[in-house]
Amino acid sequence: MATTDTDETQDGLSRLSLEDAEILSPQQMLNEFEVVHICAPMVRYSKLPFRQLVSEYETHITFTPMILHRVAKRKGISRYVDGIDINCGCPQQWACKEGIGSALLRKPDLVRELVRFIKVSCGQDFPVSIKIRIDDDLRNTSQLIKTAIQANVSMITVHGEYPRLPKQRKAGKEMRLKGVNDGRTVPVVAKGDIFSLDDARKIREMCEVHGVMSARGLQENTALFAGYDRIPLAGIQRFLSLSAQNGFMFPLFHRHLADMLGPWFSSQEEKKFFNMLSSPPFVIDFLEETYNIQPPPLPEIIF
């Protein structure tokens, strides 16, 4: 989303003036703006309150958790989203057994047909993207991208690691990303190991990509794209309000807060104490007593 006017809030943050806003598709943003920050899809984590929060701290595009096609079709998901992404990168064993995720990396013809199917179903202008990992054989990756482009894919997100790459063999990831990006005619996004705004800048410049995507980095610091080393307490206060407004299962609410509060805990004992809290009232009391974070309205919506 791009806007011509902003409103200043009491905390100094700029809020979008929706009446004057122009709605842009993801690929339009990637083509028209120099810097685009993206929140990755995360199982359980990238629920609505979290997506809303990161959007207030310079995250421009957000993804829902992965949704299986049969569920998305039954619920008519396309009416409520700005685009659909085909996950060709999930390395989890269950996904590969289902023939999805990384199992699609060596099935370029199937990926092409999936892109075309969604375009036919939702309209040729409807944004359809793919998220991939680098194959052990770069020729397979090149072929996958080429066939997706033939199907009019809107953008491509590339995770620079191999599907089964051990953590200690990450060296050279940036060069692999750049090699995939060279000469491409659609927007390319780089994903992986982005834990600060400086990380995002370095990867964007080194790989010459249109945008950068973070998962674990945003999970731990939802304000990282705004240049913060840790989320400000005002952001945690905002997360409570968003969770209360939209409803949020307590285990996920609690887990999110544990991640966000990591840099704020004064000791391991305090962290352990927080992790043992077993209900919304206990968590809210802790936040108020420890950080002067005020209870949200309607806290009973968090269950």
C-alpha atoms as a PDB file:
ATOM      1  CA  MET A   1       0.000   0.000   0.000  1.00  0.00           C
ATOM      2  CA  ALA A   2       1.246   3.495  -0.869  1.00  0.00           C
ATOM      3  CA  THR A   3      -0.121   6.753   0.475  1.00  0.00           C
ATOM      4  CA  THR A   4       0.148  10.467  -0.171  1.00  0.00           C
ATOM      5  CA  ASP A   5      -0.689  11.685   3.328  1.00  0.00           C
ATOM      6  CA  THR A   6       0.027  10.430   6.812  1.00  0.00           C
ATOM      7  CA  ASP A   7      -1.352  11.305  10.210  1.00  0.00           C
ATOM      8  CA  GLU A   8       0.986  11.767  13.173  1.00  0.00           C
ATOM      9  CA  THR A   9      -0.025   9.953  16.335  1.00  0.00           C
ATOM     10  CA  GLN A  10       0.858  10.912  19.895  1.00  0.00           C
ATOM     11  CA  ASP A  11       3.787   8.481  19.931  1.00  0.00           C
ATOM     12  CA  GLY A  12       5.238  10.077  16.800  1.00  0.00           C
ATOM     13  CA  LEU A  13       4.427   7.173  14.486  1.00  0.00           C
ATOM     14  CA  SER A  14       2.960   7.899  11.078  1.00  0.00           C
ATOM     15  CA  ARG A  15      -0.392   6.242  10.471  1.00  0.00           C
ATOM     16  CA  LEU A  16      -1.753   5.743   6.971  1.00  0.00           C
ATOM     17  CA  SER A  17      -4.611   8.015   5.979  1.00  0.00           C
ATOM     18  CA  LEU A  18      -6.757   5.366   4.313  1.00  0.00           C
ATOM     19  CA  GLU A  19      -8.963   7.841   2.462  1.00  0.00           C
ATOM     20  CA  ASP A  20      -5.931   9.052   0.503  1.00  0.00           C
ATOM     21  CA  ALA A  21      -4.263   5.663   0.148  1.00  0.00           C
ATOM     22  CA  GLU A  22      -3.582   3.918  -3.136  1.00  0.00           C
ATOM     23  CA  ILE A  23      -3.807   0.137  -3.042  1.00  0.00           C
ATOM     24  CA  LEU A  24      -0.943  -1.551  -4.890  1.00  0.00           C
ATOM     25  CA  SER A  25      -0.449  -5.230  -5.628  1.00  0.00           C
ATOM     26  CA  PRO A  26       2.656  -6.909  -4.190  1.00  0.00           C
ATOM     27  CA  GLN A  27       4.466  -6.944  -7.533  1.00  0.00           C
ATOM     28  CA  GLN A  28       3.606  -3.271  -8.131  1.00  0.00           C
ATOM     29  CA  MET A  29       5.186  -2.376  -4.803  1.00  0.00           C
ATOM     30  CA  LEU A  30       8.288  -4.389  -5.648  1.00  0.00           C
ATOM     31  CA  ASN A  31       8.593  -2.736  -9.050  1.00  0.00           C
ATOM     32  CA  GLU A  32       7.868   0.839  -7.979  1.00  0.00           C
ATOM     33  CA  PHE A  33       9.640   1.167  -4.620  1.00  0.00           C
ATOM     34  CA  GLU A  34      13.312   0.838  -3.832  1.00  0.00           C
ATOM     35  CA  VAL A  35      12.834  -0.880  -0.482  1.00  0.00           C
ATOM     36  CA  VAL A  36      10.114  -3.457   0.235  1.00  0.00           C
ATOM     37  CA  HIS A  37      10.062  -5.403   3.511  1.00  0.00           C
ATOM     38  CA  ILE A  38       8.069  -8.626   3.775  1.00  0.00           C
ATOM     39  CA  CYS A  39       6.913 -10.831   6.647  1.00  0.00           C
ATOM     40  CA  ALA A  40       7.227 -14.518   5.762  1.00  0.00           C
ATOM     41  CA  PRO A  41       4.479 -17.086   6.269  1.00  0.00           C
ATOM     42  CA  MET A  42       5.041 -18.851   9.591  1.00  0.00           C
ATOM     43  CA  VAL A  43       3.105 -21.858  10.829  1.00  0.00           C
ATOM     44  CA  ARG A  44       1.007 -20.747  13.825  1.00  0.00           C
ATOM     45  CA  TYR A  45       2.839 -17.433  14.146  1.00  0.00           C
ATOM     46  CA  SER A  46       1.787 -15.131  11.301  1.00  0.00           C
ATOM     47  CA  LYS A  47      -1.806 -14.729  12.486  1.00  0.00           C
ATOM     48  CA  LEU A  48      -3.761 -11.495  12.027  1.00  0.00           C
ATOM     49  CA  PRO A  49      -2.691  -9.588  15.210  1.00  0.00           C
ATOM     50  CA  PHE A  50       0.976 -10.310  14.456  1.00  0.00           C
ATOM     51  CA  ARG A  51       0.617  -9.273  10.798  1.00  0.00           C
ATOM     52  CA  GLN A  52      -1.110  -6.063  11.830  1.00  0.00           C
ATOM     53  CA  LEU A  53       1.638  -5.265  14.323  1.00  0.00           C
ATOM     54  CA  VAL A  54       4.576  -5.754  11.939  1.00  0.00           C
ATOM     55  CA  SER A  55       2.710  -3.672   9.349  1.00  0.00           C
ATOM     56  CA  GLU A  56       2.946  -0.724  11.722  1.00  0.00           C
ATOM     57  CA  TYR A  57       6.742  -1.032  11.813  1.00  0.00           C
ATOM     58  CA  GLU A  58       7.783  -0.706   8.159  1.00  0.00           C
ATOM     59  CA  THR A  59       6.743  -4.180   7.009  1.00  0.00           C
ATOM     60  CA  HIS A  60       4.984  -3.624   3.705  1.00  0.00           C
ATOM     61  CA  ILE A  61       3.716  -7.087   2.698  1.00  0.00           C
ATOM     62  CA  THR A  62       2.609  -9.849   5.073  1.00  0.00           C
ATOM     63  CA  PHE A  63       1.811 -13.515   4.477  1.00  0.00           C
ATOM     64  CA  THR A  64      -0.638 -15.747   6.320  1.00  0.00           C
ATOM     65  CA  PRO A  65       0.489 -19.179   7.516  1.00  0.00           C
ATOM     66  CA  MET A  66       0.470 -21.828   4.787  1.00  0.00           C
ATOM     67  CA  ILE A  67      -3.059 -22.959   3.912  1.00  0.00           C
ATOM     68  CA  LEU A  68      -3.701 -26.228   2.090  1.00  0.00           C
ATOM     69  CA  HIS A  69      -5.448 -25.757  -1.263  1.00  0.00           C
ATOM     70  CA  ARG A  70      -8.496 -27.830  -0.374  1.00  0.00           C
ATOM     71  CA  VAL A  71      -9.111 -25.623   2.673  1.00  0.00           C
ATOM     72  CA  ALA A  72      -8.496 -22.389   0.761  1.00  0.00           C
ATOM     73  CA  LYS A  73     -10.865 -23.457  -2.013  1.00  0.00           C
ATOM     74  CA  ARG A  74     -13.608 -24.427   0.423  1.00  0.00           C
ATOM     75  CA  LYS A  75     -13.415 -21.068   2.200  1.00  0.00           C
ATOM     76  CA  GLY A  76     -13.053 -18.932  -0.939  1.00  0.00           C
ATOM     77  CA  ILE A  77      -9.813 -17.410   0.362  1.00  0.00           C
ATOM     78  CA  SER A  78      -8.992 -15.500  -2.837  1.00  0.00           C
ATOM     79  CA  ARG A  79     -11.768 -12.984  -2.137  1.00  0.00           C
ATOM     80  CA  TYR A  80     -10.047 -11.824   1.033  1.00  0.00           C
ATOM     81  CA  VAL A  81      -6.374 -11.631   0.040  1.00  0.00           C
ATOM     82  CA  ASP A  82      -4.183  -9.523  -2.248  1.00  0.00           C
ATOM     83  CA  GLY A  83      -2.468 -12.529  -3.793  1.00  0.00           C
ATOM     84  CA  ILE A  84      -1.716 -16.244  -3.516  1.00  0.00           C
ATOM     85  CA  ASP A  85       1.748 -17.717  -3.017  1.00  0.00           C
ATOM     86  CA  ILE A  86       2.621 -21.307  -3.951  1.00  0.00           C
ATOM     87  CA  ASN A  87       4.969 -22.678  -1.308  1.00  0.00           C
ATOM     88  CA  CYS A  88       7.665 -24.645  -3.124  1.00  0.00           C
ATOM     89  CA  GLY A  89      10.201 -24.297  -0.344  1.00  0.00           C
ATOM     90  CA  CYS A  90       8.915 -25.935   2.847  1.00  0.00           C
ATOM     91  CA  PRO A  91      11.417 -28.725   3.661  1.00  0.00           C
ATOM     92  CA  GLN A  92       9.329 -30.373   6.387  1.00  0.00           C
ATOM     93  CA  GLN A  93       8.897 -34.097   5.938  1.00  0.00           C
ATOM     94  CA  TRP A  94       5.103 -34.062   6.147  1.00  0.00           C
ATOM     95  CA  ALA A  95       4.893 -31.478   3.345  1.00  0.00           C
ATOM     96  CA  CYS A  96       7.193 -33.450   1.058  1.00  0.00           C
ATOM     97  CA  LYS A  97       5.140 -36.619   1.675  1.00  0.00           C
ATOM     98  CA  GLU A  98       2.038 -34.679   0.598  1.00  0.00           C
ATOM     99  CA  GLY A  99       3.834 -33.724  -2.620  1.00  0.00           C
ATOM    100  CA  ILE A 100       3.937 -30.042  -1.685  1.00  0.00           C
ATOM    101  CA  GLY A 101       6.630 -27.696  -0.391  1.00  0.00           C
ATOM    102  CA  SER A 102      10.143 -28.673  -1.467  1.00  0.00           C
ATOM    103  CA  ALA A 103       8.726 -31.670  -3.338  1.00  0.00           C
ATOM    104  CA  LEU A 104       7.719 -29.171  -6.057  1.00  0.00           C
ATOM    105  CA  LEU A 105      11.264 -27.927  -6.663  1.00  0.00           C
ATOM    106  CA  ARG A 106      11.886 -30.574  -9.312  1.00  0.00           C
ATOM    107  CA  LYS A 107       8.397 -30.467 -10.802  1.00  0.00           C
ATOM    108  CA  PRO A 108       8.552 -27.286 -12.922  1.00  0.00           C
ATOM    109  CA  ASP A 109       5.723 -28.341 -15.226  1.00  0.00           C
ATOM    110  CA  LEU A 110       3.393 -28.893 -12.278  1.00  0.00           C
ATOM    111  CA  VAL A 111       4.324 -25.512 -10.790  1.00  0.00           C
ATOM    112  CA  ARG A 112       3.633 -23.851 -14.136  1.00  0.00           C
ATOM    113  CA  GLU A 113       0.203 -25.490 -14.295  1.00  0.00           C
ATOM    114  CA  LEU A 114      -0.568 -24.452 -10.720  1.00  0.00           C
ATOM    115  CA  VAL A 115       0.238 -20.820 -11.532  1.00  0.00           C
ATOM    116  CA  ARG A 116      -1.914 -20.982 -14.663  1.00  0.00           C
ATOM    117  CA  PHE A 117      -4.776 -22.655 -12.793  1.00  0.00           C
ATOM    118  CA  ILE A 118      -4.897 -19.903 -10.173  1.00  0.00           C
ATOM    119  CA  LYS A 119      -4.684 -17.224 -12.875  1.00  0.00           C
ATOM    120  CA  VAL A 120      -7.619 -18.791 -14.719  1.00  0.00           C
ATOM    121  CA  SER A 121      -9.628 -19.183 -11.505  1.00  0.00           C
ATOM    122  CA  CYS A 122      -8.938 -15.734 -10.021  1.00  0.00           C
ATOM    123  CA  GLY A 123      -8.171 -13.603 -13.085  1.00  0.00           C
ATOM    124  CA  GLN A 124      -5.016 -12.958 -15.078  1.00  0.00           C
ATOM    125  CA  ASP A 125      -4.301  -9.787 -13.089  1.00  0.00           C
ATOM    126  CA  PHE A 126      -4.567 -11.587  -9.736  1.00  0.00           C
ATOM    127  CA  PRO A 127      -1.069 -11.777  -8.162  1.00  0.00           C
ATOM    128  CA  VAL A 128       0.333 -15.307  -7.999  1.00  0.00           C
ATOM    129  CA  SER A 129       3.834 -15.858  -6.635  1.00  0.00           C
ATOM    130  CA  ILE A 130       6.084 -18.787  -5.805  1.00  0.00           C
ATOM    131  CA  LYS A 131       8.500 -19.269  -2.910  1.00  0.00           C
ATOM    132  CA  ILE A 132      11.410 -21.610  -3.598  1.00  0.00           C
ATOM    133  CA  ARG A 133      14.720 -22.857  -2.244  1.00  0.00           C
ATOM    134  CA  ILE A 134      17.903 -23.324  -4.219  1.00  0.00           C
ATOM    135  CA  ASP A 135      18.214 -26.826  -5.670  1.00  0.00           C
ATOM    136  CA  ASP A 136      21.500 -28.700  -5.308  1.00  0.00           C
ATOM    137  CA  ASP A 137      21.692 -28.441  -9.102  1.00  0.00           C
ATOM    138  CA  LEU A 138      21.180 -24.799 -10.115  1.00  0.00           C
ATOM    139  CA  ARG A 139      19.949 -25.934 -13.528  1.00  0.00           C
ATOM    140  CA  ASN A 140      16.827 -27.302 -11.851  1.00  0.00           C
ATOM    141  CA  THR A 141      16.248 -23.959 -10.132  1.00  0.00           C
ATOM    142  CA  SER A 142      16.725 -22.096 -13.408  1.00  0.00           C
ATOM    143  CA  GLN A 143      14.231 -24.368 -15.169  1.00  0.00           C
ATOM    144  CA  LEU A 144      11.676 -23.982 -12.373  1.00  0.00           C
ATOM    145  CA  ILE A 145      11.885 -20.191 -12.563  1.00  0.00           C
ATOM    146  CA  LYS A 146      11.737 -20.180 -16.355  1.00  0.00           C
ATOM    147  CA  THR A 147       8.560 -22.268 -16.484  1.00  0.00           C
ATOM    148  CA  ALA A 148       6.924 -20.163 -13.744  1.00  0.00           C
ATOM    149  CA  ILE A 149       7.663 -17.001 -15.715  1.00  0.00           C
ATOM    150  CA  GLN A 150       6.091 -18.625 -18.786  1.00  0.00           C
ATOM    151  CA  ALA A 151       2.918 -19.009 -16.722  1.00  0.00           C
ATOM    152  CA  ASN A 152       2.978 -15.274 -15.870  1.00  0.00           C
ATOM    153  CA  VAL A 153       4.040 -15.634 -12.236  1.00  0.00           C
ATOM    154  CA  SER A 154       3.943 -12.268 -10.462  1.00  0.00           C
ATOM    155  CA  MET A 155       6.989 -12.549  -8.181  1.00  0.00           C
ATOM    156  CA  ILE A 156       9.490 -15.106  -6.913  1.00  0.00           C
ATOM    157  CA  THR A 157      10.825 -15.432  -3.370  1.00  0.00           C
ATOM    158  CA  VAL A 158      14.109 -17.321  -3.061  1.00  0.00           C
ATOM    159  CA  HIS A 159      15.465 -18.873   0.121  1.00  0.00           C
ATOM    160  CA  GLY A 160      19.186 -19.185  -0.516  1.00  0.00           C
ATOM    161  CA  GLU A 161      19.586 -22.516   1.291  1.00  0.00           C
ATOM    162  CA  TYR A 162      19.226 -25.998  -0.137  1.00  0.00           C
ATOM    163  CA  PRO A 163      16.166 -27.973   1.071  1.00  0.00           C
ATOM    164  CA  ARG A 164      18.270 -30.197   3.346  1.00  0.00           C
ATOM    165  CA  LEU A 165      21.222 -27.877   3.917  1.00  0.00           C
ATOM    166  CA  PRO A 166      22.782 -28.209   7.392  1.00  0.00           C
ATOM    167  CA  LYS A 167      23.135 -24.909   9.210  1.00  0.00           C
ATOM    168  CA  GLN A 168      26.927 -25.075   9.085  1.00  0.00           C
ATOM    169  CA  ARG A 169      26.919 -25.082   5.256  1.00  0.00           C
ATOM    170  CA  LYS A 170      25.331 -21.676   4.702  1.00  0.00           C
ATOM    171  CA  ALA A 171      28.443 -20.138   3.141  1.00  0.00           C
ATOM    172  CA  GLY A 172      27.868 -18.625  -0.286  1.00  0.00           C
ATOM    173  CA  LYS A 173      24.110 -18.220   0.102  1.00  0.00           C
ATOM    174  CA  GLU A 174      24.159 -14.596  -1.088  1.00  0.00           C
ATOM    175  CA  MET A 175      26.016 -15.533  -4.262  1.00  0.00           C
ATOM    176  CA  ARG A 176      23.520 -18.309  -4.991  1.00  0.00           C
ATOM    177  CA  LEU A 177      20.699 -15.804  -4.580  1.00  0.00           C
ATOM    178  CA  LYS A 178      22.365 -13.343  -6.919  1.00  0.00           C
ATOM    179  CA  GLY A 179      22.946 -16.093  -9.468  1.00  0.00           C
ATOM    180  CA  VAL A 180      19.255 -16.971  -9.433  1.00  0.00           C
ATOM    181  CA  ASN A 181      18.264 -13.303  -9.754  1.00  0.00           C
ATOM    182  CA  ASP A 182      20.533 -12.424 -12.689  1.00  0.00           C
ATOM    183  CA  GLY A 183      18.538 -11.565 -15.778  1.00  0.00           C
ATOM    184  CA  ARG A 184      15.093 -12.243 -14.307  1.00  0.00           C
ATOM    185  CA  THR A 185      12.115 -10.312 -15.628  1.00  0.00           C
ATOM    186  CA  VAL A 186       9.854 -10.564 -12.552  1.00  0.00           C
ATOM    187  CA  PRO A 187      10.438  -9.147  -9.056  1.00  0.00           C
ATOM    188  CA  VAL A 188      12.685 -11.343  -6.903  1.00  0.00           C
ATOM    189  CA  VAL A 189      12.639 -11.379  -3.091  1.00  0.00           C
ATOM    190  CA  ALA A 190      15.458 -12.745  -0.903  1.00  0.00           C
ATOM    191  CA  LYS A 191      14.609 -14.674   2.273  1.00  0.00           C
ATOM    192  CA  GLY A 192      16.700 -15.926   5.172  1.00  0.00           C
ATOM    193  CA  ASP A 193      18.926 -14.762   8.041  1.00  0.00           C
ATOM    194  CA  ILE A 194      17.502 -11.243   8.323  1.00  0.00           C
ATOM    195  CA  PHE A 195      17.610 -10.195  11.974  1.00  0.00           C
ATOM    196  CA  SER A 196      18.222  -6.448  11.631  1.00  0.00           C
ATOM    197  CA  LEU A 197      17.640  -3.575   9.243  1.00  0.00           C
ATOM    198  CA  ASP A 198      21.343  -3.712   8.392  1.00  0.00           C
ATOM    199  CA  ASP A 199      21.014  -7.407   7.446  1.00  0.00           C
ATOM    200  CA  ALA A 200      18.151  -6.458   5.131  1.00  0.00           C
ATOM    201  CA  ARG A 201      20.165  -3.701   3.488  1.00  0.00           C
ATOM    202  CA  LYS A 202      23.224  -5.894   2.962  1.00  0.00           C
ATOM    203  CA  ILE A 203      21.281  -8.758   1.399  1.00  0.00           C
ATOM    204  CA  ARG A 204      19.271  -6.406  -0.807  1.00  0.00           C
ATOM    205  CA  GLU A 205      22.411  -4.721  -2.120  1.00  0.00           C
ATOM    206  CA  MET A 206      24.528  -7.858  -2.467  1.00  0.00           C
ATOM    207  CA  CYS A 207      21.845  -9.923  -4.197  1.00  0.00           C
ATOM    208  CA  GLU A 208      20.330  -7.008  -6.159  1.00  0.00           C
ATOM    209  CA  VAL A 209      16.795  -8.100  -5.294  1.00  0.00           C
ATOM    210  CA  HIS A 210      13.554  -6.131  -5.226  1.00  0.00           C
ATOM    211  CA  GLY A 211      12.630  -6.986  -1.635  1.00  0.00           C
ATOM    212  CA  VAL A 212      13.649  -8.912   1.482  1.00  0.00           C
ATOM    213  CA  MET A 213      11.646 -11.349   3.614  1.00  0.00           C
ATOM    214  CA  SER A 214      12.153 -12.198   7.281  1.00  0.00           C
ATOM    215  CA  ALA A 215      10.625 -14.909   9.459  1.00  0.00           C
ATOM    216  CA  ARG A 216      12.456 -15.656  12.720  1.00  0.00           C
ATOM    217  CA  GLY A 217      13.900 -12.148  12.830  1.00  0.00           C
ATOM    218  CA  LEU A 218      10.432 -10.567  12.904  1.00  0.00           C
ATOM    219  CA  GLN A 219       9.197 -13.211  15.302  1.00  0.00           C
ATOM    220  CA  GLU A 220      11.797 -12.053  17.820  1.00  0.00           C
ATOM    221  CA  ASN A 221      11.740  -8.344  16.931  1.00  0.00           C
ATOM    222  CA  THR A 222       8.589  -7.224  15.146  1.00  0.00           C
ATOM    223  CA  ALA A 223      10.061  -3.721  14.740  1.00  0.00           C
ATOM    224  CA  LEU A 224      13.334  -4.744  13.063  1.00  0.00           C
ATOM    225  CA  PHE A 225      12.428  -3.243   9.662  1.00  0.00           C
ATOM    226  CA  ALA A 226      11.855   0.086  11.425  1.00  0.00           C
ATOM    227  CA  GLY A 227      15.442  -0.018  12.688  1.00  0.00           C
ATOM    228  CA  TYR A 228      14.806  -1.036  16.305  1.00  0.00           C
ATOM    229  CA  ASP A 229      17.121  -3.446  18.131  1.00  0.00           C
ATOM    230  CA  ARG A 230      14.085  -4.710  20.049  1.00  0.00           C
ATOM    231  CA  ILE A 231      10.403  -3.944  19.883  1.00  0.00           C
ATOM    232  CA  PRO A 232       9.539  -0.868  21.987  1.00  0.00           C
ATOM    233  CA  LEU A 233       7.183  -1.391  24.892  1.00  0.00           C
ATOM    234  CA  ALA A 234       4.599   0.680  23.008  1.00  0.00           C
ATOM    235  CA  GLY A 235       4.622  -2.070  20.389  1.00  0.00           C
ATOM    236  CA  ILE A 236       3.920  -4.733  22.986  1.00  0.00           C
ATOM    237  CA  GLN A 237       1.081  -2.587  24.321  1.00  0.00           C
ATOM    238  CA  ARG A 238      -0.253  -2.390  20.764  1.00  0.00           C
ATOM    239  CA  PHE A 239      -0.003  -6.172  20.370  1.00  0.00           C
ATOM    240  CA  LEU A 240      -2.220  -6.641  23.420  1.00  0.00           C
ATOM    241  CA  SER A 241      -4.840  -4.337  21.923  1.00  0.00           C
ATOM    242  CA  LEU A 242      -4.751  -6.047  18.521  1.00  0.00           C
ATOM    243  CA  SER A 243      -5.010  -9.472  20.139  1.00  0.00           C
ATOM    244  CA  ALA A 244      -8.006  -8.391  22.199  1.00  0.00           C
ATOM    245  CA  GLN A 245      -9.722  -6.783  19.209  1.00  0.00           C
ATOM    246  CA  ASN A 246      -9.320  -9.778  16.910  1.00  0.00           C
ATOM    247  CA  GLY A 247      -9.271 -12.722  19.300  1.00  0.00           C
ATOM    248  CA  PHE A 248      -6.208 -14.877  19.780  1.00  0.00           C
ATOM    249  CA  MET A 249      -5.685 -18.337  21.284  1.00  0.00           C
ATOM    250  CA  PHE A 250      -3.779 -17.960  24.538  1.00  0.00           C
ATOM    251  CA  PRO A 251      -0.915 -20.404  23.763  1.00  0.00           C
ATOM    252  CA  LEU A 252      -0.029 -18.444  20.606  1.00  0.00           C
ATOM    253  CA  PHE A 253      -0.540 -15.093  22.334  1.00  0.00           C
ATOM    254  CA  HIS A 254       1.758 -16.215  25.160  1.00  0.00           C
ATOM    255  CA  ARG A 255       4.407 -17.592  22.765  1.00  0.00           C
ATOM    256  CA  HIS A 256       4.483 -14.373  20.750  1.00  0.00           C
ATOM    257  CA  LEU A 257       4.977 -12.304  23.884  1.00  0.00           C
ATOM    258  CA  ALA A 258       7.742 -14.600  25.126  1.00  0.00           C
ATOM    259  CA  ASP A 259       9.621 -14.012  21.865  1.00  0.00           C
ATOM    260  CA  MET A 260       9.033 -10.247  21.852  1.00  0.00           C
ATOM    261  CA  LEU A 261      10.019  -9.849  25.491  1.00  0.00           C
ATOM    262  CA  GLY A 262      13.256 -11.821  25.111  1.00  0.00           C
ATOM    263  CA  PRO A 263      15.526  -8.738  25.048  1.00  0.00           C
ATOM    264  CA  TRP A 264      13.504  -7.106  27.838  1.00  0.00           C
ATOM    265  CA  PHE A 265      13.789  -9.873  30.439  1.00  0.00           C
ATOM    266  CA  SER A 266      16.199  -8.912  33.212  1.00  0.00           C
ATOM    267  CA  SER A 267      17.310 -12.495  33.878  1.00  0.00           C
ATOM    268  CA  GLN A 268      16.825 -16.126  32.896  1.00  0.00           C
ATOM    269  CA  GLU A 269      14.743 -16.555  36.039  1.00  0.00           C
ATOM    270  CA  GLU A 270      12.341 -13.828  34.914  1.00  0.00           C
ATOM    271  CA  LYS A 271      12.094 -15.450  31.490  1.00  0.00           C
ATOM    272  CA  LYS A 272      11.340 -18.854  33.044  1.00  0.00           C
ATOM    273  CA  PHE A 273       8.738 -17.285  35.322  1.00  0.00           C
ATOM    274  CA  PHE A 274       6.975 -15.659  32.372  1.00  0.00           C
ATOM    275  CA  ASN A 275       7.006 -18.901  30.390  1.00  0.00           C
ATOM    276  CA  MET A 276       5.221 -20.669  33.258  1.00  0.00           C
ATOM    277  CA  LEU A 277       2.306 -18.202  33.347  1.00  0.00           C
ATOM    278  CA  SER A 278      -0.789 -20.186  32.462  1.00  0.00           C
ATOM    279  CA  SER A 279      -3.611 -17.735  31.733  1.00  0.00           C
ATOM    280  CA  PRO A 280      -4.283 -14.284  30.216  1.00  0.00           C
ATOM    281  CA  PRO A 281      -4.837 -12.569  33.611  1.00  0.00           C
ATOM    282  CA  PHE A 282      -1.451 -13.786  34.885  1.00  0.00           C
ATOM    283  CA  VAL A 283       0.291 -12.558  31.723  1.00  0.00           C
ATOM    284  CA  ILE A 284      -1.468  -9.198  31.746  1.00  0.00           C
ATOM    285  CA  ASP A 285      -0.712  -8.676  35.449  1.00  0.00           C
ATOM    286  CA  PHE A 286       2.964  -9.462  34.814  1.00  0.00           C
ATOM    287  CA  LEU A 287       3.161  -6.958  31.951  1.00  0.00           C
ATOM    288  CA  GLU A 288       1.495  -4.238  33.998  1.00  0.00           C
ATOM    289  CA  GLU A 289       3.619  -4.777  37.105  1.00  0.00           C
ATOM    290  CA  THR A 290       6.932  -5.255  35.279  1.00  0.00           C
ATOM    291  CA  TYR A 291       6.702  -2.876  32.318  1.00  0.00           C
ATOM    292  CA  ASN A 292       3.675  -0.678  33.114  1.00  0.00           C
ATOM    293  CA  ILE A 293       1.880  -2.059  30.056  1.00  0.00           C
ATOM    294  CA  GLN A 294      -1.825  -1.454  30.565  1.00  0.00           C
ATOM    295  CA  PRO A 295      -4.460  -4.190  30.197  1.00  0.00           C
ATOM    296  CA  PRO A 296      -6.301  -4.126  26.857  1.00  0.00           C
ATOM    297  CA  PRO A 297     -10.064  -3.749  26.650  1.00  0.00           C
ATOM    298  CA  LEU A 298     -12.007  -7.014  26.475  1.00  0.00           C
ATOM    299  CA  PRO A 299      -9.092  -9.247  27.540  1.00  0.00           C
ATOM    300  CA  GLU A 300     -11.499 -12.188  27.743  1.00  0.00           C
ATOM    301  CA  ILE A 301     -11.272 -12.447  23.933  1.00  0.00           C
ATOM    302  CA  ILE A 302      -7.810 -13.926  24.465  1.00  0.00           C
ATOM    303  CA  PHE A 303      -8.554 -17.507  25.462  1.00  0.00           C
END
